[in-house]
Amino acid sequence: MKIKPLQDRVLVTRIEKEEKTAGGIIIPDTAKEKPAEGKIVAVGPGKTTDEGKVIKLDVKVGDHVLFAKYGGTEVKVDGVEYLLMREEEILGVIEGSGSHKDSKKKKK
């Protein structure tokens, strides 16, 4: 099954953070917060104005984004969890190499 977002909606997969703290303590799944960072896997065509003009989205497939903790609607397709949200719910795009972990490595 494939999902194609409509209008100004995007489909996002969450990016999991490391399971250990800096001190080496392993955090159990039940104590973890859901990450507010994800990768866009599909985008809609854009928002339609009252005049019928389509305004393209600022984000694209492959962008790593930040969003509110409780933003979007959780959707499960073929056993994979996604978030379906409007572009306006995205707080920012993480620029650089494409992943949060990779950007840490490049700063060293």
PDB file of N, CA and C in Angstrom:
ATOM      1  N   MET A   1       0.855  -1.179   0.000  1.00  0.00           N
ATOM      2  CA  MET A   1       0.000   0.000   0.000  1.00  0.00           C
ATOM      3  C   MET A   1       0.899   1.240   0.000  1.00  0.00           C
ATOM      4  N   LYS A   2       0.457   2.258  -0.695  1.00  0.00           N
ATOM      5  CA  LYS A   2       1.215   3.502  -0.793  1.00  0.00           C
ATOM      6  C   LYS A   2       0.295   4.660  -0.421  1.00  0.00           C
ATOM      7  N   ILE A   3       0.824   5.638   0.325  1.00  0.00           N
ATOM      8  CA  ILE A   3       0.027   6.808   0.714  1.00  0.00           C
ATOM      9  C   ILE A   3       0.544   8.023  -0.035  1.00  0.00           C
ATOM     10  N   LYS A   4      -0.358   8.758  -0.641  1.00  0.00           N
ATOM     11  CA  LYS A   4      -0.017  10.020  -1.302  1.00  0.00           C
ATOM     12  C   LYS A   4      -0.748  11.123  -0.550  1.00  0.00           C
ATOM     13  N   PRO A   5      -0.014  11.992   0.147  1.00  0.00           N
ATOM     14  CA  PRO A   5      -0.660  13.074   0.883  1.00  0.00           C
ATOM     15  C   PRO A   5      -1.389  14.037  -0.060  1.00  0.00           C
ATOM     16  N   LEU A   6      -2.465  14.612   0.416  1.00  0.00           N
ATOM     17  CA  LEU A   6      -3.236  15.581  -0.354  1.00  0.00           C
ATOM     18  C   LEU A   6      -2.917  16.995   0.103  1.00  0.00           C
ATOM     19  N   GLN A   7      -3.111  17.940  -0.779  1.00  0.00           N
ATOM     20  CA  GLN A   7      -2.929  19.370  -0.527  1.00  0.00           C
ATOM     21  C   GLN A   7      -1.579  19.669   0.107  1.00  0.00           C
ATOM     22  N   ASP A   8      -1.569  20.349   1.260  1.00  0.00           N
ATOM     23  CA  ASP A   8      -0.301  20.761   1.884  1.00  0.00           C
ATOM     24  C   ASP A   8       0.141  19.811   2.990  1.00  0.00           C
ATOM     25  N   ARG A   9      -0.189  18.545   2.849  1.00  0.00           N
ATOM     26  CA  ARG A   9       0.190  17.558   3.865  1.00  0.00           C
ATOM     27  C   ARG A   9       1.466  16.831   3.449  1.00  0.00           C
ATOM     28  N   VAL A  10       2.200  16.340   4.461  1.00  0.00           N
ATOM     29  CA  VAL A  10       3.423  15.573   4.236  1.00  0.00           C
ATOM     30  C   VAL A  10       3.368  14.298   5.076  1.00  0.00           C
ATOM     31  N   LEU A  11       4.043  13.260   4.610  1.00  0.00           N
ATOM     32  CA  LEU A  11       4.142  11.996   5.328  1.00  0.00           C
ATOM     33  C   LEU A  11       5.561  11.890   5.865  1.00  0.00           C
ATOM     34  N   VAL A  12       5.685  11.661   7.179  1.00  0.00           N
ATOM     35  CA  VAL A  12       6.981  11.709   7.863  1.00  0.00           C
ATOM     36  C   VAL A  12       7.209  10.417   8.637  1.00  0.00           C
ATOM     37  N   THR A  13       8.444   9.923   8.623  1.00  0.00           N
ATOM     38  CA  THR A  13       8.843   8.835   9.524  1.00  0.00           C
ATOM     39  C   THR A  13       9.696   9.455  10.618  1.00  0.00           C
ATOM     40  N   ARG A  14       9.495   9.008  11.833  1.00  0.00           N
ATOM     41  CA  ARG A  14      10.281   9.528  12.953  1.00  0.00           C
ATOM     42  C   ARG A  14      11.708   8.993  12.887  1.00  0.00           C
ATOM     43  N   ILE A  15      12.662   9.812  13.318  1.00  0.00           N
ATOM     44  CA  ILE A  15      14.064   9.398  13.423  1.00  0.00           C
ATOM     45  C   ILE A  15      14.329   9.123  14.887  1.00  0.00           C
ATOM     46  N   GLU A  16      14.659   7.875  15.179  1.00  0.00           N
ATOM     47  CA  GLU A  16      14.904   7.468  16.561  1.00  0.00           C
ATOM     48  C   GLU A  16      16.254   7.991  17.035  1.00  0.00           C
ATOM     49  N   LYS A  17      16.293   8.423  18.277  1.00  0.00           N
ATOM     50  CA  LYS A  17      17.542   8.901  18.878  1.00  0.00           C
ATOM     51  C   LYS A  17      18.234   7.737  19.567  1.00  0.00           C
ATOM     52  N   GLU A  18      19.459   7.978  20.031  1.00  0.00           N
ATOM     53  CA  GLU A  18      20.236   6.942  20.699  1.00  0.00           C
ATOM     54  C   GLU A  18      19.522   6.457  21.961  1.00  0.00           C
ATOM     55  N   GLU A  19      19.723   5.177  22.279  1.00  0.00           N
ATOM     56  CA  GLU A  19      19.056   4.558  23.415  1.00  0.00           C
ATOM     57  C   GLU A  19      19.839   4.678  24.714  1.00  0.00           C
ATOM     58  N   LYS A  20      21.045   5.272  24.673  1.00  0.00           N
ATOM     59  CA  LYS A  20      21.863   5.418  25.878  1.00  0.00           C
ATOM     60  C   LYS A  20      22.039   6.894  26.209  1.00  0.00           C
ATOM     61  N   THR A  21      22.165   7.176  27.486  1.00  0.00           N
ATOM     62  CA  THR A  21      22.487   8.535  27.916  1.00  0.00           C
ATOM     63  C   THR A  21      23.993   8.725  27.804  1.00  0.00           C
ATOM     64  N   ALA A  22      24.470   9.928  28.043  1.00  0.00           N
ATOM     65  CA  ALA A  22      25.907  10.215  27.984  1.00  0.00           C
ATOM     66  C   ALA A  22      26.668   9.385  29.015  1.00  0.00           C
ATOM     67  N   GLY A  23      26.024   9.064  30.127  1.00  0.00           N
ATOM     68  CA  GLY A  23      26.653   8.264  31.181  1.00  0.00           C
ATOM     69  C   GLY A  23      26.603   6.774  30.923  1.00  0.00           C
ATOM     70  N   GLY A  24      25.987   6.350  29.804  1.00  0.00           N
ATOM     71  CA  GLY A  24      25.939   4.936  29.452  1.00  0.00           C
ATOM     72  C   GLY A  24      24.700   4.209  29.935  1.00  0.00           C
ATOM     73  N   ILE A  25      23.734   4.928  30.504  1.00  0.00           N
ATOM     74  CA  ILE A  25      22.505   4.301  30.988  1.00  0.00           C
ATOM     75  C   ILE A  25      21.589   4.042  29.798  1.00  0.00           C
ATOM     76  N   ILE A  26      21.093   2.806  29.691  1.00  0.00           N
ATOM     77  CA  ILE A  26      20.186   2.452  28.609  1.00  0.00           C
ATOM     78  C   ILE A  26      18.768   2.844  29.009  1.00  0.00           C
ATOM     79  N   ILE A  27      18.097   3.552  28.122  1.00  0.00           N
ATOM     80  CA  ILE A  27      16.739   4.025  28.392  1.00  0.00           C
ATOM     81  C   ILE A  27      15.739   3.022  27.827  1.00  0.00           C
ATOM     82  N   PRO A  28      14.826   2.483  28.662  1.00  0.00           N
ATOM     83  CA  PRO A  28      13.838   1.526  28.152  1.00  0.00           C
ATOM     84  C   PRO A  28      12.817   2.217  27.249  1.00  0.00           C
ATOM     85  N   ASP A  29      12.217   1.444  26.341  1.00  0.00           N
ATOM     86  CA  ASP A  29      11.236   1.993  25.395  1.00  0.00           C
ATOM     87  C   ASP A  29      10.078   2.699  26.082  1.00  0.00           C
ATOM     88  N   THR A  30       9.664   2.217  27.244  1.00  0.00           N
ATOM     89  CA  THR A  30       8.521   2.803  27.930  1.00  0.00           C
ATOM     90  C   THR A  30       8.823   4.180  28.496  1.00  0.00           C
ATOM     91  N   ALA A  31      10.106   4.482  28.725  1.00  0.00           N
ATOM     92  CA  ALA A  31      10.488   5.775  29.301  1.00  0.00           C
ATOM     93  C   ALA A  31      10.899   6.790  28.243  1.00  0.00           C
ATOM     94  N   LYS A  32      11.011   6.360  27.010  1.00  0.00           N
ATOM     95  CA  LYS A  32      11.455   7.255  25.946  1.00  0.00           C
ATOM     96  C   LYS A  32      10.350   8.196  25.521  1.00  0.00           C
ATOM     97  N   GLU A  33      10.753   9.400  25.159  1.00  0.00           N
ATOM     98  CA  GLU A  33       9.822  10.338  24.550  1.00  0.00           C
ATOM     99  C   GLU A  33       9.837  10.080  23.050  1.00  0.00           C
ATOM    100  N   LYS A  34       8.720  10.340  22.409  1.00  0.00           N
ATOM    101  CA  LYS A  34       8.690  10.186  20.961  1.00  0.00           C
ATOM    102  C   LYS A  34       9.535  11.300  20.349  1.00  0.00           C
ATOM    103  N   PRO A  35      10.368  10.945  19.381  1.00  0.00           N
ATOM    104  CA  PRO A  35      11.216  11.973  18.783  1.00  0.00           C
ATOM    105  C   PRO A  35      10.416  13.013  18.022  1.00  0.00           C
ATOM    106  N   ALA A  36      10.910  14.236  18.034  1.00  0.00           N
ATOM    107  CA  ALA A  36      10.258  15.334  17.316  1.00  0.00           C
ATOM    108  C   ALA A  36      11.070  15.673  16.075  1.00  0.00           C
ATOM    109  N   GLU A  37      11.723  14.656  15.536  1.00  0.00           N
ATOM    110  CA  GLU A  37      12.546  14.818  14.354  1.00  0.00           C
ATOM    111  C   GLU A  37      12.192  13.688  13.399  1.00  0.00           C
ATOM    112  N   GLY A  38      12.111  14.003  12.116  1.00  0.00           N
ATOM    113  CA  GLY A  38      11.751  12.965  11.167  1.00  0.00           C
ATOM    114  C   GLY A  38      12.234  13.251   9.767  1.00  0.00           C
ATOM    115  N   LYS A  39      11.977  12.278   8.898  1.00  0.00           N
ATOM    116  CA  LYS A  39      12.354  12.375   7.491  1.00  0.00           C
ATOM    117  C   LYS A  39      11.084  12.337   6.652  1.00  0.00           C
ATOM    118  N   ILE A  40      10.976  13.250   5.703  1.00  0.00           N
ATOM    119  CA  ILE A  40       9.793  13.311   4.841  1.00  0.00           C
ATOM    120  C   ILE A  40       9.901  12.225   3.780  1.00  0.00           C
ATOM    121  N   VAL A  41       8.855  11.399   3.673  1.00  0.00           N
ATOM    122  CA  VAL A  41       8.848  10.319   2.693  1.00  0.00           C
ATOM    123  C   VAL A  41       7.878  10.584   1.543  1.00  0.00           C
ATOM    124  N   ALA A  42       6.933  11.510   1.721  1.00  0.00           N
ATOM    125  CA  ALA A  42       6.009  11.872   0.643  1.00  0.00           C
ATOM    126  C   ALA A  42       5.428  13.257   0.918  1.00  0.00           C
ATOM    127  N   VAL A  43       5.152  14.006  -0.150  1.00  0.00           N
ATOM    128  CA  VAL A  43       4.560  15.341  -0.016  1.00  0.00           C
ATOM    129  C   VAL A  43       3.369  15.472  -0.951  1.00  0.00           C
ATOM    130  N   GLY A  44       2.421  16.301  -0.539  1.00  0.00           N
ATOM    131  CA  GLY A  44       1.274  16.602  -1.387  1.00  0.00           C
ATOM    132  C   GLY A  44       1.648  17.640  -2.437  1.00  0.00           C
ATOM    133  N   PRO A  45       0.730  17.928  -3.354  1.00  0.00           N
ATOM    134  CA  PRO A  45       1.011  18.875  -4.431  1.00  0.00           C
ATOM    135  C   PRO A  45       1.158  20.318  -3.969  1.00  0.00           C
ATOM    136  N   GLY A  46       0.525  20.676  -2.863  1.00  0.00           N
ATOM    137  CA  GLY A  46       0.609  22.042  -2.357  1.00  0.00           C
ATOM    138  C   GLY A  46      -0.746  22.562  -1.939  1.00  0.00           C
ATOM    139  N   LYS A  47      -0.736  23.751  -1.368  1.00  0.00           N
ATOM    140  CA  LYS A  47      -1.970  24.370  -0.874  1.00  0.00           C
ATOM    141  C   LYS A  47      -2.659  25.124  -2.016  1.00  0.00           C
ATOM    142  N   THR A  48      -3.976  24.977  -2.104  1.00  0.00           N
ATOM    143  CA  THR A  48      -4.744  25.649  -3.135  1.00  0.00           C
ATOM    144  C   THR A  48      -5.335  26.938  -2.573  1.00  0.00           C
ATOM    145  N   THR A  49      -5.119  28.046  -3.269  1.00  0.00           N
ATOM    146  CA  THR A  49      -5.656  29.335  -2.836  1.00  0.00           C
ATOM    147  C   THR A  49      -7.125  29.445  -3.249  1.00  0.00           C
ATOM    148  N   ASP A  50      -7.786  30.507  -2.796  1.00  0.00           N
ATOM    149  CA  ASP A  50      -9.191  30.734  -3.162  1.00  0.00           C
ATOM    150  C   ASP A  50      -9.361  30.934  -4.667  1.00  0.00           C
ATOM    151  N   GLU A  51      -8.307  31.412  -5.321  1.00  0.00           N
ATOM    152  CA  GLU A  51      -8.355  31.635  -6.770  1.00  0.00           C
ATOM    153  C   GLU A  51      -8.080  30.358  -7.560  1.00  0.00           C
ATOM    154  N   GLY A  52      -7.737  29.267  -6.886  1.00  0.00           N
ATOM    155  CA  GLY A  52      -7.464  27.999  -7.546  1.00  0.00           C
ATOM    156  C   GLY A  52      -5.991  27.770  -7.877  1.00  0.00           C
ATOM    157  N   LYS A  53      -5.138  28.689  -7.486  1.00  0.00           N
ATOM    158  CA  LYS A  53      -3.704  28.555  -7.743  1.00  0.00           C
ATOM    159  C   LYS A  53      -3.086  27.635  -6.681  1.00  0.00           C
ATOM    160  N   VAL A  54      -2.180  26.746  -7.103  1.00  0.00           N
ATOM    161  CA  VAL A  54      -1.523  25.827  -6.177  1.00  0.00           C
ATOM    162  C   VAL A  54      -0.174  26.409  -5.763  1.00  0.00           C
ATOM    163  N   ILE A  55       0.020  26.547  -4.447  1.00  0.00           N
ATOM    164  CA  ILE A  55       1.282  27.041  -3.901  1.00  0.00           C
ATOM    165  C   ILE A  55       2.090  25.820  -3.473  1.00  0.00           C
ATOM    166  N   LYS A  56       3.245  25.600  -4.126  1.00  0.00           N
ATOM    167  CA  LYS A  56       4.076  24.439  -3.820  1.00  0.00           C
ATOM    168  C   LYS A  56       4.617  24.520  -2.396  1.00  0.00           C
ATOM    169  N   LEU A  57       4.935  23.346  -1.843  1.00  0.00           N
ATOM    170  CA  LEU A  57       5.468  23.264  -0.489  1.00  0.00           C
ATOM    171  C   LEU A  57       6.944  23.648  -0.456  1.00  0.00           C
ATOM    172  N   ASP A  58       7.401  24.137   0.699  1.00  0.00           N
ATOM    173  CA  ASP A  58       8.807  24.502   0.888  1.00  0.00           C
ATOM    174  C   ASP A  58       9.670  23.280   1.194  1.00  0.00           C
ATOM    175  N   VAL A  59       9.053  22.177   1.623  1.00  0.00           N
ATOM    176  CA  VAL A  59       9.792  20.963   1.961  1.00  0.00           C
ATOM    177  C   VAL A  59       9.669  19.957   0.822  1.00  0.00           C
ATOM    178  N   LYS A  60      10.606  18.998   0.808  1.00  0.00           N
ATOM    179  CA  LYS A  60      10.587  17.978  -0.244  1.00  0.00           C
ATOM    180  C   LYS A  60      10.915  16.619   0.360  1.00  0.00           C
ATOM    181  N   VAL A  61      10.707  15.570  -0.410  1.00  0.00           N
ATOM    182  CA  VAL A  61      11.013  14.216   0.037  1.00  0.00           C
ATOM    183  C   VAL A  61      12.503  14.135   0.364  1.00  0.00           C
ATOM    184  N   GLY A  62      12.811  13.527   1.509  1.00  0.00           N
ATOM    185  CA  GLY A  62      14.196  13.377   1.944  1.00  0.00           C
ATOM    186  C   GLY A  62      14.642  14.412   2.957  1.00  0.00           C
ATOM    187  N   ASP A  63      13.896  15.514   3.110  1.00  0.00           N
ATOM    188  CA  ASP A  63      14.252  16.540   4.095  1.00  0.00           C
ATOM    189  C   ASP A  63      14.108  15.989   5.509  1.00  0.00           C
ATOM    190  N   HIS A  64      15.056  16.361   6.379  1.00  0.00           N
ATOM    191  CA  HIS A  64      14.946  16.045   7.802  1.00  0.00           C
ATOM    192  C   HIS A  64      14.334  17.261   8.476  1.00  0.00           C
ATOM    193  N   VAL A  65      13.257  17.043   9.218  1.00  0.00           N
ATOM    194  CA  VAL A  65      12.490  18.149   9.774  1.00  0.00           C
ATOM    195  C   VAL A  65      12.286  18.001  11.272  1.00  0.00           C
ATOM    196  N   LEU A  66      12.006  19.130  11.918  1.00  0.00           N
ATOM    197  CA  LEU A  66      11.614  19.179  13.320  1.00  0.00           C
ATOM    198  C   LEU A  66      10.135  19.533  13.373  1.00  0.00           C
ATOM    199  N   PHE A  67       9.417  18.908  14.288  1.00  0.00           N
ATOM    200  CA  PHE A  67       8.000  19.191  14.448  1.00  0.00           C
ATOM    201  C   PHE A  67       7.625  19.101  15.915  1.00  0.00           C
ATOM    202  N   ALA A  68       6.460  19.616  16.265  1.00  0.00           N
ATOM    203  CA  ALA A  68       5.997  19.591  17.653  1.00  0.00           C
ATOM    204  C   ALA A  68       5.825  18.146  18.116  1.00  0.00           C
ATOM    205  N   LYS A  69       6.073  17.883  19.406  1.00  0.00           N
ATOM    206  CA  LYS A  69       5.981  16.526  19.952  1.00  0.00           C
ATOM    207  C   LYS A  69       4.668  15.836  19.608  1.00  0.00           C
ATOM    208  N   TYR A  70       3.594  16.567  19.701  1.00  0.00           N
ATOM    209  CA  TYR A  70       2.286  15.958  19.490  1.00  0.00           C
ATOM    210  C   TYR A  70       1.659  16.387  18.167  1.00  0.00           C
ATOM    211  N   GLY A  71       2.493  16.799  17.231  1.00  0.00           N
ATOM    212  CA  GLY A  71       2.007  17.230  15.924  1.00  0.00           C
ATOM    213  C   GLY A  71       1.663  16.057  15.038  1.00  0.00           C
ATOM    214  N   GLY A  72       0.799  16.289  14.082  1.00  0.00           N
ATOM    215  CA  GLY A  72       0.460  15.281  13.087  1.00  0.00           C
ATOM    216  C   GLY A  72      -0.491  14.210  13.580  1.00  0.00           C
ATOM    217  N   THR A  73      -0.857  13.338  12.663  1.00  0.00           N
ATOM    218  CA  THR A  73      -1.741  12.210  12.954  1.00  0.00           C
ATOM    219  C   THR A  73      -0.960  10.932  12.692  1.00  0.00           C
ATOM    220  N   GLU A  74      -0.923  10.048  13.682  1.00  0.00           N
ATOM    221  CA  GLU A  74      -0.186   8.804  13.514  1.00  0.00           C
ATOM    222  C   GLU A  74      -0.969   7.856  12.619  1.00  0.00           C
ATOM    223  N   VAL A  75      -0.253   7.262  11.655  1.00  0.00           N
ATOM    224  CA  VAL A  75      -0.851   6.337  10.695  1.00  0.00           C
ATOM    225  C   VAL A  75       0.073   5.125  10.607  1.00  0.00           C
ATOM    226  N   LYS A  76      -0.499   3.915  10.576  1.00  0.00           N
ATOM    227  CA  LYS A  76       0.298   2.710  10.453  1.00  0.00           C
ATOM    228  C   LYS A  76      -0.057   2.032   9.136  1.00  0.00           C
ATOM    229  N   VAL A  77       0.955   1.833   8.273  1.00  0.00           N
ATOM    230  CA  VAL A  77       0.747   1.209   6.965  1.00  0.00           C
ATOM    231  C   VAL A  77       1.742   0.073   6.809  1.00  0.00           C
ATOM    232  N   ASP A  78       1.248  -1.119   6.556  1.00  0.00           N
ATOM    233  CA  ASP A  78       2.098  -2.306   6.381  1.00  0.00           C
ATOM    234  C   ASP A  78       3.081  -2.475   7.540  1.00  0.00           C
ATOM    235  N   GLY A  79       2.631  -2.186   8.756  1.00  0.00           N
ATOM    236  CA  GLY A  79       3.454  -2.359   9.946  1.00  0.00           C
ATOM    237  C   GLY A  79       4.428  -1.231  10.228  1.00  0.00           C
ATOM    238  N   VAL A  80       4.454  -0.208   9.386  1.00  0.00           N
ATOM    239  CA  VAL A  80       5.363   0.924   9.577  1.00  0.00           C
ATOM    240  C   VAL A  80       4.558   2.128  10.050  1.00  0.00           C
ATOM    241  N   GLU A  81       5.057   2.802  11.110  1.00  0.00           N
ATOM    242  CA  GLU A  81       4.359   3.973  11.636  1.00  0.00           C
ATOM    243  C   GLU A  81       4.833   5.247  10.951  1.00  0.00           C
ATOM    244  N   TYR A  82       3.881   6.078  10.559  1.00  0.00           N
ATOM    245  CA  TYR A  82       4.153   7.359   9.915  1.00  0.00           C
ATOM    246  C   TYR A  82       3.379   8.448  10.640  1.00  0.00           C
ATOM    247  N   LEU A  83       3.753   9.691  10.381  1.00  0.00           N
ATOM    248  CA  LEU A  83       2.985  10.850  10.822  1.00  0.00           C
ATOM    249  C   LEU A  83       2.506  11.567   9.570  1.00  0.00           C
ATOM    250  N   LEU A  84       1.238  11.902   9.545  1.00  0.00           N
ATOM    251  CA  LEU A  84       0.670  12.680   8.450  1.00  0.00           C
ATOM    252  C   LEU A  84       0.362  14.052   9.031  1.00  0.00           C
ATOM    253  N   MET A  85       0.993  15.090   8.480  1.00  0.00           N
ATOM    254  CA  MET A  85       0.820  16.434   9.043  1.00  0.00           C
ATOM    255  C   MET A  85       0.807  17.486   7.945  1.00  0.00           C
ATOM    256  N   ARG A  86       0.277  18.643   8.284  1.00  0.00           N
ATOM    257  CA  ARG A  86       0.304  19.778   7.370  1.00  0.00           C
ATOM    258  C   ARG A  86       1.696  20.401   7.410  1.00  0.00           C
ATOM    259  N   GLU A  87       2.062  21.050   6.327  1.00  0.00           N
ATOM    260  CA  GLU A  87       3.374  21.693   6.267  1.00  0.00           C
ATOM    261  C   GLU A  87       3.524  22.734   7.385  1.00  0.00           C
ATOM    262  N   GLU A  88       2.448  23.414   7.744  1.00  0.00           N
ATOM    263  CA  GLU A  88       2.526  24.459   8.775  1.00  0.00           C
ATOM    264  C   GLU A  88       2.866  23.896  10.156  1.00  0.00           C
ATOM    265  N   GLU A  89       2.717  22.576  10.356  1.00  0.00           N
ATOM    266  CA  GLU A  89       3.075  21.949  11.631  1.00  0.00           C
ATOM    267  C   GLU A  89       4.572  21.696  11.740  1.00  0.00           C
ATOM    268  N   ILE A  90       5.300  21.801  10.636  1.00  0.00           N
ATOM    269  CA  ILE A  90       6.742  21.593  10.637  1.00  0.00           C
ATOM    270  C   ILE A  90       7.408  22.869  11.151  1.00  0.00           C
ATOM    271  N   LEU A  91       8.275  22.707  12.147  1.00  0.00           N
ATOM    272  CA  LEU A  91       8.924  23.851  12.782  1.00  0.00           C
ATOM    273  C   LEU A  91      10.176  24.293  12.034  1.00  0.00           C
ATOM    274  N   GLY A  92      10.862  23.353  11.393  1.00  0.00           N
ATOM    275  CA  GLY A  92      12.074  23.705  10.674  1.00  0.00           C
ATOM    276  C   GLY A  92      12.660  22.522   9.945  1.00  0.00           C
ATOM    277  N   VAL A  93      13.570  22.816   9.015  1.00  0.00           N
ATOM    278  CA  VAL A  93      14.284  21.798   8.255  1.00  0.00           C
ATOM    279  C   VAL A  93      15.718  21.751   8.762  1.00  0.00           C
ATOM    280  N   ILE A  94      16.224  20.558   9.034  1.00  0.00           N
ATOM    281  CA  ILE A  94      17.604  20.392   9.476  1.00  0.00           C
ATOM    282  C   ILE A  94      18.462  20.319   8.218  1.00  0.00           C
ATOM    283  N   GLU A  95      19.303  21.316   8.032  1.00  0.00           N
ATOM    284  CA  GLU A  95      20.139  21.361   6.835  1.00  0.00           C
ATOM    285  C   GLU A  95      21.472  20.693   7.095  1.00  0.00           C
ATOM    286  N   GLY A  96      22.103  20.224   6.058  1.00  0.00           N
ATOM    287  CA  GLY A  96      23.415  19.603   6.197  1.00  0.00           C
ATOM    288  C   GLY A  96      23.473  18.270   5.498  1.00  0.00           C
ATOM    289  N   SER A  97      24.101  17.329   6.141  1.00  0.00           N
ATOM    290  CA  SER A  97      24.370  16.035   5.517  1.00  0.00           C
ATOM    291  C   SER A  97      23.136  15.167   5.365  1.00  0.00           C
ATOM    292  N   GLY A  98      22.053  15.484   6.027  1.00  0.00           N
ATOM    293  CA  GLY A  98      20.853  14.676   5.870  1.00  0.00           C
ATOM    294  C   GLY A  98      20.435  13.933   7.112  1.00  0.00           C
ATOM    295  N   SER A  99      21.289  13.851   8.118  1.00  0.00           N
ATOM    296  CA  SER A  99      20.884  13.164   9.331  1.00  0.00           C
ATOM    297  C   SER A  99      21.508  13.835  10.544  1.00  0.00           C
ATOM    298  N   HIS A 100      20.781  13.798  11.643  1.00  0.00           N
ATOM    299  CA  HIS A 100      21.217  14.433  12.883  1.00  0.00           C
ATOM    300  C   HIS A 100      22.533  13.831  13.359  1.00  0.00           C
ATOM    301  N   LYS A 101      22.660  12.511  13.310  1.00  0.00           N
ATOM    302  CA  LYS A 101      23.873  11.839  13.774  1.00  0.00           C
ATOM    303  C   LYS A 101      25.060  12.204  12.887  1.00  0.00           C
ATOM    304  N   ASP A 102      24.856  12.258  11.563  1.00  0.00           N
ATOM    305  CA  ASP A 102      25.935  12.595  10.637  1.00  0.00           C
ATOM    306  C   ASP A 102      26.435  14.011  10.874  1.00  0.00           C
ATOM    307  N   SER A 103      25.519  14.945  11.187  1.00  0.00           N
ATOM    308  CA  SER A 103      25.935  16.334  11.396  1.00  0.00           C
ATOM    309  C   SER A 103      26.793  16.463  12.656  1.00  0.00           C
ATOM    310  N   LYS A 104      26.558  15.608  13.677  1.00  0.00           N
ATOM    311  CA  LYS A 104      27.392  15.624  14.880  1.00  0.00           C
ATOM    312  C   LYS A 104      28.812  15.191  14.525  1.00  0.00           C
ATOM    313  N   LYS A 105      28.932  14.159  13.673  1.00  0.00           N
ATOM    314  CA  LYS A 105      30.242  13.639  13.295  1.00  0.00           C
ATOM    315  C   LYS A 105      31.038  14.683  12.531  1.00  0.00           C
ATOM    316  N   LYS A 106      30.411  15.452  11.673  1.00  0.00           N
ATOM    317  CA  LYS A 106      31.118  16.431  10.851  1.00  0.00           C
ATOM    318  C   LYS A 106      31.634  17.606  11.658  1.00  0.00           C
ATOM    319  N   LYS A 107      30.995  17.909  12.808  1.00  0.00           N
ATOM    320  CA  LYS A 107      31.406  19.046  13.621  1.00  0.00           C
ATOM    321  C   LYS A 107      32.711  18.763  14.358  1.00  0.00           C
ATOM    322  N   LYS A 108      33.035  17.483  14.569  1.00  0.00           N
ATOM    323  CA  LYS A 108      34.242  17.112  15.341  1.00  0.00           C
ATOM    324  C   LYS A 108      35.492  17.410  14.591  1.00  0.00           C
TER     325      LYS A 108
END
